[in-house]
């Protein structure tokens, strides 16, 4: 039986609550970011995810979308790599004024995030 494949966008560090997927032998995990780190498999921009259509079972994008210039482009990229019936876990901080300085591009409300 094939193990589920999880893609972590912005995976330079393990986000809160994501330690499990990084160490779970029942899943395969690919993490990427625009920064190099020991836990990313490749460096890339979420505006152009160079993976095959429908090859990912689940996507985690945690505290990333507010740093993206065009979040809808990234959402479309997630859609193209996600298998039919796949899952997406996404969150964005809301009650912070600015973090990561000039790259804090978009603040989301609950309905705006959806």
PDB file of N, CA and C in Angstrom:
ATOM      1  N   UNK A   1       0.837  -1.187   0.000  1.00  0.00           N
ATOM      2  CA  UNK A   1       0.000   0.000   0.000  1.00  0.00           C
ATOM      3  C   UNK A   1       0.881   1.248   0.000  1.00  0.00           C
ATOM      4  N   UNK A   2       0.509   2.220  -0.801  1.00  0.00           N
ATOM      5  CA  UNK A   2       1.262   3.451  -0.938  1.00  0.00           C
ATOM      6  C   UNK A   2       1.031   4.354   0.278  1.00  0.00           C
ATOM      7  N   UNK A   3       2.120   4.936   0.773  1.00  0.00           N
ATOM      8  CA  UNK A   3       1.999   5.884   1.889  1.00  0.00           C
ATOM      9  C   UNK A   3       1.551   7.237   1.357  1.00  0.00           C
ATOM     10  N   UNK A   4       0.731   7.965   2.132  1.00  0.00           N
ATOM     11  CA  UNK A   4       0.313   9.291   1.693  1.00  0.00           C
ATOM     12  C   UNK A   4       1.524  10.224   1.571  1.00  0.00           C
ATOM     13  N   UNK A   5       1.469  11.108   0.599  1.00  0.00           N
ATOM     14  CA  UNK A   5       2.533  12.073   0.362  1.00  0.00           C
ATOM     15  C   UNK A   5       2.033  13.465   0.762  1.00  0.00           C
ATOM     16  N   UNK A   6       2.729  14.072   1.729  1.00  0.00           N
ATOM     17  CA  UNK A   6       2.376  15.392   2.239  1.00  0.00           C
ATOM     18  C   UNK A   6       3.404  16.400   1.729  1.00  0.00           C
ATOM     19  N   UNK A   7       2.916  17.539   1.257  1.00  0.00           N
ATOM     20  CA  UNK A   7       3.773  18.643   0.826  1.00  0.00           C
ATOM     21  C   UNK A   7       3.652  19.769   1.834  1.00  0.00           C
ATOM     22  N   UNK A   8       4.782  20.229   2.352  1.00  0.00           N
ATOM     23  CA  UNK A   8       4.808  21.380   3.254  1.00  0.00           C
ATOM     24  C   UNK A   8       5.391  22.562   2.487  1.00  0.00           C
ATOM     25  N   UNK A   9       4.585  23.600   2.346  1.00  0.00           N
ATOM     26  CA  UNK A   9       5.023  24.820   1.682  1.00  0.00           C
ATOM     27  C   UNK A   9       5.490  25.777   2.771  1.00  0.00           C
ATOM     28  N   UNK A  10       6.702  26.275   2.634  1.00  0.00           N
ATOM     29  CA  UNK A  10       7.265  27.142   3.664  1.00  0.00           C
ATOM     30  C   UNK A  10       7.803  26.334   4.821  1.00  0.00           C
ATOM     31  N   UNK A  11       8.451  25.232   4.507  1.00  0.00           N
ATOM     32  CA  UNK A  11       8.876  24.280   5.521  1.00  0.00           C
ATOM     33  C   UNK A  11      10.282  24.449   6.047  1.00  0.00           C
ATOM     34  N   UNK A  12      10.834  25.663   6.027  1.00  0.00           N
ATOM     35  CA  UNK A  12      12.183  25.871   6.553  1.00  0.00           C
ATOM     36  C   UNK A  12      12.301  25.402   7.995  1.00  0.00           C
ATOM     37  N   UNK A  13      11.237  25.617   8.761  1.00  0.00           N
ATOM     38  CA  UNK A  13      11.164  25.104  10.129  1.00  0.00           C
ATOM     39  C   UNK A  13       9.879  24.308  10.269  1.00  0.00           C
ATOM     40  N   UNK A  14       9.861  23.418  11.232  1.00  0.00           N
ATOM     41  CA  UNK A  14       8.634  22.674  11.507  1.00  0.00           C
ATOM     42  C   UNK A  14       7.671  23.594  12.238  1.00  0.00           C
ATOM     43  N   UNK A  15       6.518  23.835  11.641  1.00  0.00           N
ATOM     44  CA  UNK A  15       5.521  24.697  12.262  1.00  0.00           C
ATOM     45  C   UNK A  15       4.894  24.036  13.479  1.00  0.00           C
ATOM     46  N   UNK A  16       4.208  24.845  14.271  1.00  0.00           N
ATOM     47  CA  UNK A  16       3.521  24.338  15.459  1.00  0.00           C
ATOM     48  C   UNK A  16       2.553  23.224  15.077  1.00  0.00           C
ATOM     49  N   UNK A  17       2.655  22.109  15.773  1.00  0.00           N
ATOM     50  CA  UNK A  17       1.755  20.990  15.543  1.00  0.00           C
ATOM     51  C   UNK A  17       2.113  20.116  14.359  1.00  0.00           C
ATOM     52  N   UNK A  18       3.196  20.407  13.652  1.00  0.00           N
ATOM     53  CA  UNK A  18       3.551  19.618  12.470  1.00  0.00           C
ATOM     54  C   UNK A  18       4.678  18.618  12.713  1.00  0.00           C
ATOM     55  N   UNK A  19       5.142  18.481  13.932  1.00  0.00           N
ATOM     56  CA  UNK A  19       6.233  17.539  14.203  1.00  0.00           C
ATOM     57  C   UNK A  19       5.845  16.115  13.822  1.00  0.00           C
ATOM     58  N   UNK A  20       4.593  15.758  14.046  1.00  0.00           N
ATOM     59  CA  UNK A  20       4.134  14.404  13.739  1.00  0.00           C
ATOM     60  C   UNK A  20       4.376  13.977  12.300  1.00  0.00           C
ATOM     61  N   UNK A  21       3.894  14.751  11.318  1.00  0.00           N
ATOM     62  CA  UNK A  21       4.127  14.350   9.929  1.00  0.00           C
ATOM     63  C   UNK A  21       5.603  14.248   9.537  1.00  0.00           C
ATOM     64  N   UNK A  22       6.457  15.074  10.167  1.00  0.00           N
ATOM     65  CA  UNK A  22       7.882  15.019   9.851  1.00  0.00           C
ATOM     66  C   UNK A  22       8.527  13.721  10.316  1.00  0.00           C
ATOM     67  N   UNK A  23       7.959  13.083  11.328  1.00  0.00           N
ATOM     68  CA  UNK A  23       8.581  11.876  11.894  1.00  0.00           C
ATOM     69  C   UNK A  23       7.746  10.620  11.729  1.00  0.00           C
ATOM     70  N   UNK A  24       6.553  10.734  11.188  1.00  0.00           N
ATOM     71  CA  UNK A  24       5.652   9.585  11.059  1.00  0.00           C
ATOM     72  C   UNK A  24       6.113   8.672   9.919  1.00  0.00           C
ATOM     73  N   UNK A  25       6.483   7.426  10.228  1.00  0.00           N
ATOM     74  CA  UNK A  25       6.932   6.522   9.167  1.00  0.00           C
ATOM     75  C   UNK A  25       5.804   6.070   8.240  1.00  0.00           C
ATOM     76  N   UNK A  26       4.561   6.384   8.580  1.00  0.00           N
ATOM     77  CA  UNK A  26       3.433   5.973   7.742  1.00  0.00           C
ATOM     78  C   UNK A  26       3.155   6.957   6.609  1.00  0.00           C
ATOM     79  N   UNK A  27       3.877   8.094   6.593  1.00  0.00           N
ATOM     80  CA  UNK A  27       3.686   9.071   5.524  1.00  0.00           C
ATOM     81  C   UNK A  27       5.030   9.457   4.923  1.00  0.00           C
ATOM     82  N   UNK A  28       4.984   9.917   3.691  1.00  0.00           N
ATOM     83  CA  UNK A  28       6.150  10.528   3.053  1.00  0.00           C
ATOM     84  C   UNK A  28       5.905  12.035   3.045  1.00  0.00           C
ATOM     85  N   UNK A  29       6.952  12.801   3.302  1.00  0.00           N
ATOM     86  CA  UNK A  29       6.807  14.240   3.412  1.00  0.00           C
ATOM     87  C   UNK A  29       7.874  14.921   2.568  1.00  0.00           C
ATOM     88  N   UNK A  30       7.434  15.935   1.822  1.00  0.00           N
ATOM     89  CA  UNK A  30       8.332  16.794   1.059  1.00  0.00           C
ATOM     90  C   UNK A  30       8.100  18.209   1.571  1.00  0.00           C
ATOM     91  N   UNK A  31       9.169  18.899   1.957  1.00  0.00           N
ATOM     92  CA  UNK A  31       9.046  20.285   2.399  1.00  0.00           C
ATOM     93  C   UNK A  31       9.917  21.162   1.509  1.00  0.00           C
ATOM     94  N   UNK A  32       9.376  22.336   1.170  1.00  0.00           N
ATOM     95  CA  UNK A  32      10.192  23.299   0.430  1.00  0.00           C
ATOM     96  C   UNK A  32       9.935  24.697   0.953  1.00  0.00           C
ATOM     97  N   UNK A  33      10.846  25.585   0.624  1.00  0.00           N
ATOM     98  CA  UNK A  33      10.749  26.976   1.048  1.00  0.00           C
ATOM     99  C   UNK A  33      11.664  27.793   0.141  1.00  0.00           C
ATOM    100  N   UNK A  34      11.632  29.105   0.319  1.00  0.00           N
ATOM    101  CA  UNK A  34      12.567  29.957  -0.415  1.00  0.00           C
ATOM    102  C   UNK A  34      13.907  30.029   0.296  1.00  0.00           C
ATOM    103  N   UNK A  35      13.986  29.439   1.496  1.00  0.00           N
ATOM    104  CA  UNK A  35      15.212  29.394   2.288  1.00  0.00           C
ATOM    105  C   UNK A  35      15.730  27.968   2.388  1.00  0.00           C
ATOM    106  N   UNK A  36      17.034  27.819   2.464  1.00  0.00           N
ATOM    107  CA  UNK A  36      17.666  26.514   2.672  1.00  0.00           C
ATOM    108  C   UNK A  36      17.602  26.173   4.156  1.00  0.00           C
ATOM    109  N   UNK A  37      17.326  24.928   4.469  1.00  0.00           N
ATOM    110  CA  UNK A  37      17.400  24.451   5.851  1.00  0.00           C
ATOM    111  C   UNK A  37      17.554  22.939   5.823  1.00  0.00           C
ATOM    112  N   UNK A  38      17.903  22.353   6.954  1.00  0.00           N
ATOM    113  CA  UNK A  38      18.061  20.893   7.002  1.00  0.00           C
ATOM    114  C   UNK A  38      16.770  20.119   6.751  1.00  0.00           C
ATOM    115  N   UNK A  39      15.601  20.753   6.896  1.00  0.00           N
ATOM    116  CA  UNK A  39      14.353  20.005   6.740  1.00  0.00           C
ATOM    117  C   UNK A  39      13.646  20.248   5.406  1.00  0.00           C
ATOM    118  N   UNK A  40      14.246  21.038   4.505  1.00  0.00           N
ATOM    119  CA  UNK A  40      13.638  21.196   3.185  1.00  0.00           C
ATOM    120  C   UNK A  40      14.356  20.305   2.176  1.00  0.00           C
ATOM    121  N   UNK A  41      13.585  19.787   1.237  1.00  0.00           N
ATOM    122  CA  UNK A  41      14.162  18.944   0.188  1.00  0.00           C
ATOM    123  C   UNK A  41      14.552  19.750  -1.041  1.00  0.00           C
ATOM    124  N   UNK A  42      13.897  20.901  -1.240  1.00  0.00           N
ATOM    125  CA  UNK A  42      14.285  21.765  -2.352  1.00  0.00           C
ATOM    126  C   UNK A  42      13.884  23.205  -2.054  1.00  0.00           C
ATOM    127  N   UNK A  43      14.514  24.109  -2.762  1.00  0.00           N
ATOM    128  CA  UNK A  43      14.236  25.535  -2.622  1.00  0.00           C
ATOM    129  C   UNK A  43      13.404  25.953  -3.829  1.00  0.00           C
ATOM    130  N   UNK A  44      12.262  26.600  -3.554  1.00  0.00           N
ATOM    131  CA  UNK A  44      11.377  27.026  -4.640  1.00  0.00           C
ATOM    132  C   UNK A  44      10.434  28.094  -4.115  1.00  0.00           C
ATOM    133  N   UNK A  45       9.740  28.714  -5.041  1.00  0.00           N
ATOM    134  CA  UNK A  45       8.737  29.727  -4.755  1.00  0.00           C
ATOM    135  C   UNK A  45       7.360  29.084  -4.938  1.00  0.00           C
ATOM    136  N   UNK A  46       6.454  29.307  -4.008  1.00  0.00           N
ATOM    137  CA  UNK A  46       5.121  28.719  -4.081  1.00  0.00           C
ATOM    138  C   UNK A  46       4.288  29.198  -5.252  1.00  0.00           C
ATOM    139  N   UNK A  47       4.724  30.279  -5.918  1.00  0.00           N
ATOM    140  CA  UNK A  47       4.007  30.756  -7.096  1.00  0.00           C
ATOM    141  C   UNK A  47       4.162  29.806  -8.280  1.00  0.00           C
ATOM    142  N   UNK A  48       5.144  28.909  -8.210  1.00  0.00           N
ATOM    143  CA  UNK A  48       5.383  27.944  -9.301  1.00  0.00           C
ATOM    144  C   UNK A  48       5.915  26.650  -8.691  1.00  0.00           C
ATOM    145  N   UNK A  49       4.998  25.776  -8.280  1.00  0.00           N
ATOM    146  CA  UNK A  49       5.394  24.507  -7.664  1.00  0.00           C
ATOM    147  C   UNK A  49       5.644  23.511  -8.796  1.00  0.00           C
ATOM    148  N   UNK A  50       6.894  23.154  -8.980  1.00  0.00           N
ATOM    149  CA  UNK A  50       7.273  22.315 -10.114  1.00  0.00           C
ATOM    150  C   UNK A  50       7.160  20.830  -9.770  1.00  0.00           C
ATOM    151  N   UNK A  51       5.955  20.412  -9.465  1.00  0.00           N
ATOM    152  CA  UNK A  51       5.640  19.007  -9.233  1.00  0.00           C
ATOM    153  C   UNK A  51       4.515  18.634 -10.190  1.00  0.00           C
ATOM    154  N   UNK A  52       4.361  17.339 -10.423  1.00  0.00           N
ATOM    155  CA  UNK A  52       3.349  16.856 -11.361  1.00  0.00           C
ATOM    156  C   UNK A  52       1.940  17.125 -10.852  1.00  0.00           C
ATOM    157  N   UNK A  53       1.018  17.291 -11.766  1.00  0.00           N
ATOM    158  CA  UNK A  53      -0.391  17.457 -11.411  1.00  0.00           C
ATOM    159  C   UNK A  53      -0.868  16.264 -10.588  1.00  0.00           C
ATOM    160  N   UNK A  54      -1.607  16.535  -9.533  1.00  0.00           N
ATOM    161  CA  UNK A  54      -2.264  15.489  -8.760  1.00  0.00           C
ATOM    162  C   UNK A  54      -1.352  14.496  -8.076  1.00  0.00           C
ATOM    163  N   UNK A  55      -0.145  14.897  -7.717  1.00  0.00           N
ATOM    164  CA  UNK A  55       0.800  13.929  -7.126  1.00  0.00           C
ATOM    165  C   UNK A  55       0.849  13.982  -5.597  1.00  0.00           C
ATOM    166  N   UNK A  56       0.158  14.929  -4.964  1.00  0.00           N
ATOM    167  CA  UNK A  56       0.251  15.147  -3.525  1.00  0.00           C
ATOM    168  C   UNK A  56      -1.087  14.820  -2.860  1.00  0.00           C
ATOM    169  N   UNK A  57      -1.029  14.114  -1.732  1.00  0.00           N
ATOM    170  CA  UNK A  57      -2.252  13.745  -1.005  1.00  0.00           C
ATOM    171  C   UNK A  57      -2.723  14.823  -0.037  1.00  0.00           C
ATOM    172  N   UNK A  58      -1.794  15.585   0.519  1.00  0.00           N
ATOM    173  CA  UNK A  58      -2.152  16.645   1.465  1.00  0.00           C
ATOM    174  C   UNK A  58      -1.093  17.736   1.406  1.00  0.00           C
ATOM    175  N   UNK A  59      -1.529  18.965   1.663  1.00  0.00           N
ATOM    176  CA  UNK A  59      -0.635  20.118   1.665  1.00  0.00           C
ATOM    177  C   UNK A  59      -0.789  20.836   2.993  1.00  0.00           C
ATOM    178  N   UNK A  60       0.337  21.221   3.575  1.00  0.00           N
ATOM    179  CA  UNK A  60       0.339  22.073   4.757  1.00  0.00           C
ATOM    180  C   UNK A  60       1.030  23.375   4.391  1.00  0.00           C
ATOM    181  N   UNK A  61       0.357  24.475   4.620  1.00  0.00           N
ATOM    182  CA  UNK A  61       0.920  25.798   4.356  1.00  0.00           C
ATOM    183  C   UNK A  61       0.591  26.648   5.583  1.00  0.00           C
ATOM    184  N   UNK A  62       1.568  26.753   6.460  1.00  0.00           N
ATOM    185  CA  UNK A  62       1.350  27.345   7.776  1.00  0.00           C
ATOM    186  C   UNK A  62       2.148  28.638   7.917  1.00  0.00           C
ATOM    187  N   UNK A  63       1.431  29.741   8.188  1.00  0.00           N
ATOM    188  CA  UNK A  63       2.055  31.055   8.380  1.00  0.00           C
ATOM    189  C   UNK A  63       2.930  31.436   7.183  1.00  0.00           C
ATOM    190  N   UNK A  64       2.401  31.211   5.996  1.00  0.00           N
ATOM    191  CA  UNK A  64       3.118  31.501   4.750  1.00  0.00           C
ATOM    192  C   UNK A  64       2.327  32.460   3.861  1.00  0.00           C
ATOM    193  N   UNK A  65       1.034  32.251   3.739  1.00  0.00           N
ATOM    194  CA  UNK A  65       0.250  32.991   2.746  1.00  0.00           C
ATOM    195  C   UNK A  65       0.286  34.500   2.945  1.00  0.00           C
ATOM    196  N   UNK A  66       0.509  34.952   4.172  1.00  0.00           N
ATOM    197  CA  UNK A  66       0.586  36.399   4.399  1.00  0.00           C
ATOM    198  C   UNK A  66       1.877  37.004   3.868  1.00  0.00           C
ATOM    199  N   UNK A  67       2.838  36.146   3.479  1.00  0.00           N
ATOM    200  CA  UNK A  67       4.108  36.619   2.920  1.00  0.00           C
ATOM    201  C   UNK A  67       4.144  36.535   1.396  1.00  0.00           C
ATOM    202  N   UNK A  68       3.073  36.064   0.810  1.00  0.00           N
ATOM    203  CA  UNK A  68       3.023  35.809  -0.623  1.00  0.00           C
ATOM    204  C   UNK A  68       2.478  37.038  -1.353  1.00  0.00           C
ATOM    205  N   UNK A  69       3.109  37.410  -2.454  1.00  0.00           N
ATOM    206  CA  UNK A  69       2.624  38.553  -3.225  1.00  0.00           C
ATOM    207  C   UNK A  69       1.270  38.286  -3.864  1.00  0.00           C
ATOM    208  N   UNK A  70       1.070  37.058  -4.355  1.00  0.00           N
ATOM    209  CA  UNK A  70      -0.183  36.704  -5.016  1.00  0.00           C
ATOM    210  C   UNK A  70      -0.707  35.383  -4.446  1.00  0.00           C
ATOM    211  N   UNK A  71      -1.404  35.435  -3.301  1.00  0.00           N
ATOM    212  CA  UNK A  71      -1.873  34.208  -2.654  1.00  0.00           C
ATOM    213  C   UNK A  71      -2.786  33.354  -3.540  1.00  0.00           C
ATOM    214  N   UNK A  72      -3.557  33.980  -4.421  1.00  0.00           N
ATOM    215  CA  UNK A  72      -4.430  33.182  -5.282  1.00  0.00           C
ATOM    216  C   UNK A  72      -3.627  32.349  -6.269  1.00  0.00           C
ATOM    217  N   UNK A  73      -2.467  32.848  -6.691  1.00  0.00           N
ATOM    218  CA  UNK A  73      -1.594  32.059  -7.572  1.00  0.00           C
ATOM    219  C   UNK A  73      -1.086  30.834  -6.819  1.00  0.00           C
ATOM    220  N   UNK A  74      -0.686  31.012  -5.575  1.00  0.00           N
ATOM    221  CA  UNK A  74      -0.208  29.886  -4.765  1.00  0.00           C
ATOM    222  C   UNK A  74      -1.345  28.903  -4.525  1.00  0.00           C
ATOM    223  N   UNK A  75      -2.552  29.405  -4.255  1.00  0.00           N
ATOM    224  CA  UNK A  75      -3.705  28.513  -4.081  1.00  0.00           C
ATOM    225  C   UNK A  75      -3.949  27.689  -5.346  1.00  0.00           C
ATOM    226  N   UNK A  76      -3.810  28.299  -6.507  1.00  0.00           N
ATOM    227  CA  UNK A  76      -3.961  27.554  -7.769  1.00  0.00           C
ATOM    228  C   UNK A  76      -2.867  26.510  -7.931  1.00  0.00           C
ATOM    229  N   UNK A  77      -1.644  26.832  -7.496  1.00  0.00           N
ATOM    230  CA  UNK A  77      -0.547  25.866  -7.558  1.00  0.00           C
ATOM    231  C   UNK A  77      -0.821  24.687  -6.621  1.00  0.00           C
ATOM    232  N   UNK A  78      -1.340  24.964  -5.441  1.00  0.00           N
ATOM    233  CA  UNK A  78      -1.712  23.889  -4.514  1.00  0.00           C
ATOM    234  C   UNK A  78      -2.753  22.998  -5.172  1.00  0.00           C
ATOM    235  N   UNK A  79      -3.737  23.612  -5.798  1.00  0.00           N
ATOM    236  CA  UNK A  79      -4.795  22.841  -6.466  1.00  0.00           C
ATOM    237  C   UNK A  79      -4.222  21.944  -7.553  1.00  0.00           C
ATOM    238  N   UNK A  80      -3.252  22.424  -8.292  1.00  0.00           N
ATOM    239  CA  UNK A  80      -2.701  21.611  -9.396  1.00  0.00           C
ATOM    240  C   UNK A  80      -1.905  20.412  -8.892  1.00  0.00           C
ATOM    241  N   UNK A  81      -1.235  20.509  -7.747  1.00  0.00           N
ATOM    242  CA  UNK A  81      -0.454  19.359  -7.264  1.00  0.00           C
ATOM    243  C   UNK A  81      -1.267  18.409  -6.407  1.00  0.00           C
ATOM    244  N   UNK A  82      -2.420  18.842  -5.914  1.00  0.00           N
ATOM    245  CA  UNK A  82      -3.237  18.045  -4.992  1.00  0.00           C
ATOM    246  C   UNK A  82      -4.067  17.014  -5.736  1.00  0.00           C
ATOM    247  N   UNK A  83      -4.037  15.793  -5.236  1.00  0.00           N
ATOM    248  CA  UNK A  83      -4.898  14.733  -5.789  1.00  0.00           C
ATOM    249  C   UNK A  83      -6.361  15.071  -5.512  1.00  0.00           C
ATOM    250  N   UNK A  84      -7.255  14.559  -6.343  1.00  0.00           N
ATOM    251  CA  UNK A  84      -8.683  14.714  -6.071  1.00  0.00           C
ATOM    252  C   UNK A  84      -8.999  14.151  -4.693  1.00  0.00           C
ATOM    253  N   UNK A  85      -9.749  14.884  -3.906  1.00  0.00           N
ATOM    254  CA  UNK A  85     -10.081  14.440  -2.559  1.00  0.00           C
ATOM    255  C   UNK A  85      -8.983  14.682  -1.538  1.00  0.00           C
ATOM    256  N   UNK A  86      -7.884  15.339  -1.960  1.00  0.00           N
ATOM    257  CA  UNK A  86      -6.785  15.620  -1.042  1.00  0.00           C
ATOM    258  C   UNK A  86      -7.164  16.684  -0.024  1.00  0.00           C
ATOM    259  N   UNK A  87      -6.323  16.841   0.978  1.00  0.00           N
ATOM    260  CA  UNK A  87      -6.587  17.783   2.067  1.00  0.00           C
ATOM    261  C   UNK A  87      -5.560  18.905   2.076  1.00  0.00           C
ATOM    262  N   UNK A  88      -6.009  20.077   2.531  1.00  0.00           N
ATOM    263  CA  UNK A  88      -5.126  21.224   2.702  1.00  0.00           C
ATOM    264  C   UNK A  88      -5.288  21.731   4.128  1.00  0.00           C
ATOM    265  N   UNK A  89      -4.152  21.897   4.819  1.00  0.00           N
ATOM    266  CA  UNK A  89      -4.145  22.581   6.108  1.00  0.00           C
ATOM    267  C   UNK A  89      -3.456  23.915   5.866  1.00  0.00           C
ATOM    268  N   UNK A  90      -4.173  25.013   6.096  1.00  0.00           N
ATOM    269  CA  UNK A  90      -3.598  26.344   5.907  1.00  0.00           C
ATOM    270  C   UNK A  90      -3.975  27.214   7.092  1.00  0.00           C
ATOM    271  N   UNK A  91      -3.018  27.974   7.564  1.00  0.00           N
ATOM    272  CA  UNK A  91      -3.333  28.990   8.564  1.00  0.00           C
ATOM    273  C   UNK A  91      -2.466  30.205   8.319  1.00  0.00           C
ATOM    274  N   UNK A  92      -2.947  31.315   8.834  1.00  0.00           N
ATOM    275  CA  UNK A  92      -2.216  32.571   8.735  1.00  0.00           C
ATOM    276  C   UNK A  92      -2.442  33.337  10.026  1.00  0.00           C
ATOM    277  N   UNK A  93      -1.383  33.920  10.586  1.00  0.00           N
ATOM    278  CA  UNK A  93      -1.574  34.719  11.784  1.00  0.00           C
ATOM    279  C   UNK A  93      -2.412  35.948  11.448  1.00  0.00           C
ATOM    280  N   UNK A  94      -3.247  36.358  12.374  1.00  0.00           N
ATOM    281  CA  UNK A  94      -4.114  37.492  12.103  1.00  0.00           C
ATOM    282  C   UNK A  94      -3.877  38.644  13.072  1.00  0.00           C
ATOM    283  N   UNK A  95      -3.635  38.347  14.308  1.00  0.00           N
ATOM    284  CA  UNK A  95      -3.573  39.406  15.309  1.00  0.00           C
ATOM    285  C   UNK A  95      -2.185  39.987  15.496  1.00  0.00           C
ATOM    286  N   UNK A  96      -1.293  39.751  14.571  1.00  0.00           N
ATOM    287  CA  UNK A  96       0.033  40.359  14.595  1.00  0.00           C
ATOM    288  C   UNK A  96       0.014  41.533  13.634  1.00  0.00           C
ATOM    289  N   UNK A  97       0.678  42.595  13.986  1.00  0.00           N
ATOM    290  CA  UNK A  97       0.675  43.751  13.091  1.00  0.00           C
ATOM    291  C   UNK A  97       1.588  43.529  11.898  1.00  0.00           C
ATOM    292  N   UNK A  98       2.845  43.252  12.120  1.00  0.00           N
ATOM    293  CA  UNK A  98       3.798  42.979  11.042  1.00  0.00           C
ATOM    294  C   UNK A  98       4.802  41.985  11.589  1.00  0.00           C
ATOM    295  N   UNK A  99       5.105  40.963  10.815  1.00  0.00           N
ATOM    296  CA  UNK A  99       6.222  40.102  11.157  1.00  0.00           C
ATOM    297  C   UNK A  99       6.977  39.761   9.887  1.00  0.00           C
ATOM    298  N   UNK A 100       8.224  39.510  10.005  1.00  0.00           N
ATOM    299  CA  UNK A 100       9.177  39.345   8.909  1.00  0.00           C
ATOM    300  C   UNK A 100       9.176  40.579   8.007  1.00  0.00           C
ATOM    301  N   UNK A 101       9.130  41.725   8.641  1.00  0.00           N
ATOM    302  CA  UNK A 101       9.311  43.028   8.025  1.00  0.00           C
ATOM    303  C   UNK A 101       8.722  43.251   6.657  1.00  0.00           C
ATOM    304  N   UNK A 102       9.539  43.539   5.647  1.00  0.00           N
ATOM    305  CA  UNK A 102       9.023  43.954   4.352  1.00  0.00           C
ATOM    306  C   UNK A 102       8.319  42.845   3.578  1.00  0.00           C
ATOM    307  N   UNK A 103       8.364  41.623   4.069  1.00  0.00           N
ATOM    308  CA  UNK A 103       7.722  40.515   3.351  1.00  0.00           C
ATOM    309  C   UNK A 103       6.392  40.116   3.970  1.00  0.00           C
ATOM    310  N   UNK A 104       5.834  40.915   4.875  1.00  0.00           N
ATOM    311  CA  UNK A 104       4.510  40.641   5.435  1.00  0.00           C
ATOM    312  C   UNK A 104       3.505  41.338   4.524  1.00  0.00           C
ATOM    313  N   UNK A 105       3.016  40.621   3.514  1.00  0.00           N
ATOM    314  CA  UNK A 105       2.268  41.220   2.411  1.00  0.00           C
ATOM    315  C   UNK A 105       0.757  41.229   2.581  1.00  0.00           C
ATOM    316  N   UNK A 106       0.208  40.229   3.245  1.00  0.00           N
ATOM    317  CA  UNK A 106      -1.236  40.085   3.273  1.00  0.00           C
ATOM    318  C   UNK A 106      -1.698  39.634   4.641  1.00  0.00           C
ATOM    319  N   UNK A 107      -2.607  40.368   5.252  1.00  0.00           N
ATOM    320  CA  UNK A 107      -3.263  39.912   6.470  1.00  0.00           C
ATOM    321  C   UNK A 107      -4.619  39.356   6.093  1.00  0.00           C
ATOM    322  N   UNK A 108      -4.993  38.232   6.672  1.00  0.00           N
ATOM    323  CA  UNK A 108      -6.249  37.587   6.311  1.00  0.00           C
ATOM    324  C   UNK A 108      -7.231  37.607   7.482  1.00  0.00           C
ATOM    325  N   UNK A 109      -8.499  37.803   7.182  1.00  0.00           N
ATOM    326  CA  UNK A 109      -9.549  37.525   8.136  1.00  0.00           C
ATOM    327  C   UNK A 109      -9.911  36.055   7.976  1.00  0.00           C
ATOM    328  N   UNK A 110     -10.763  35.539   8.868  1.00  0.00           N
ATOM    329  CA  UNK A 110     -11.167  34.140   8.751  1.00  0.00           C
ATOM    330  C   UNK A 110     -11.832  33.873   7.397  1.00  0.00           C
ATOM    331  N   UNK A 111     -12.773  34.721   7.017  1.00  0.00           N
ATOM    332  CA  UNK A 111     -13.464  34.492   5.739  1.00  0.00           C
ATOM    333  C   UNK A 111     -12.552  34.771   4.550  1.00  0.00           C
ATOM    334  N   UNK A 112     -11.655  35.739   4.673  1.00  0.00           N
ATOM    335  CA  UNK A 112     -10.724  36.029   3.586  1.00  0.00           C
ATOM    336  C   UNK A 112      -9.745  34.894   3.337  1.00  0.00           C
ATOM    337  N   UNK A 113      -9.380  34.189   4.409  1.00  0.00           N
ATOM    338  CA  UNK A 113      -8.455  33.054   4.271  1.00  0.00           C
ATOM    339  C   UNK A 113      -9.119  31.923   3.491  1.00  0.00           C
ATOM    340  N   UNK A 114     -10.385  31.683   3.761  1.00  0.00           N
ATOM    341  CA  UNK A 114     -11.105  30.623   3.040  1.00  0.00           C
ATOM    342  C   UNK A 114     -11.196  30.971   1.573  1.00  0.00           C
TER     343      UNK A 114
END
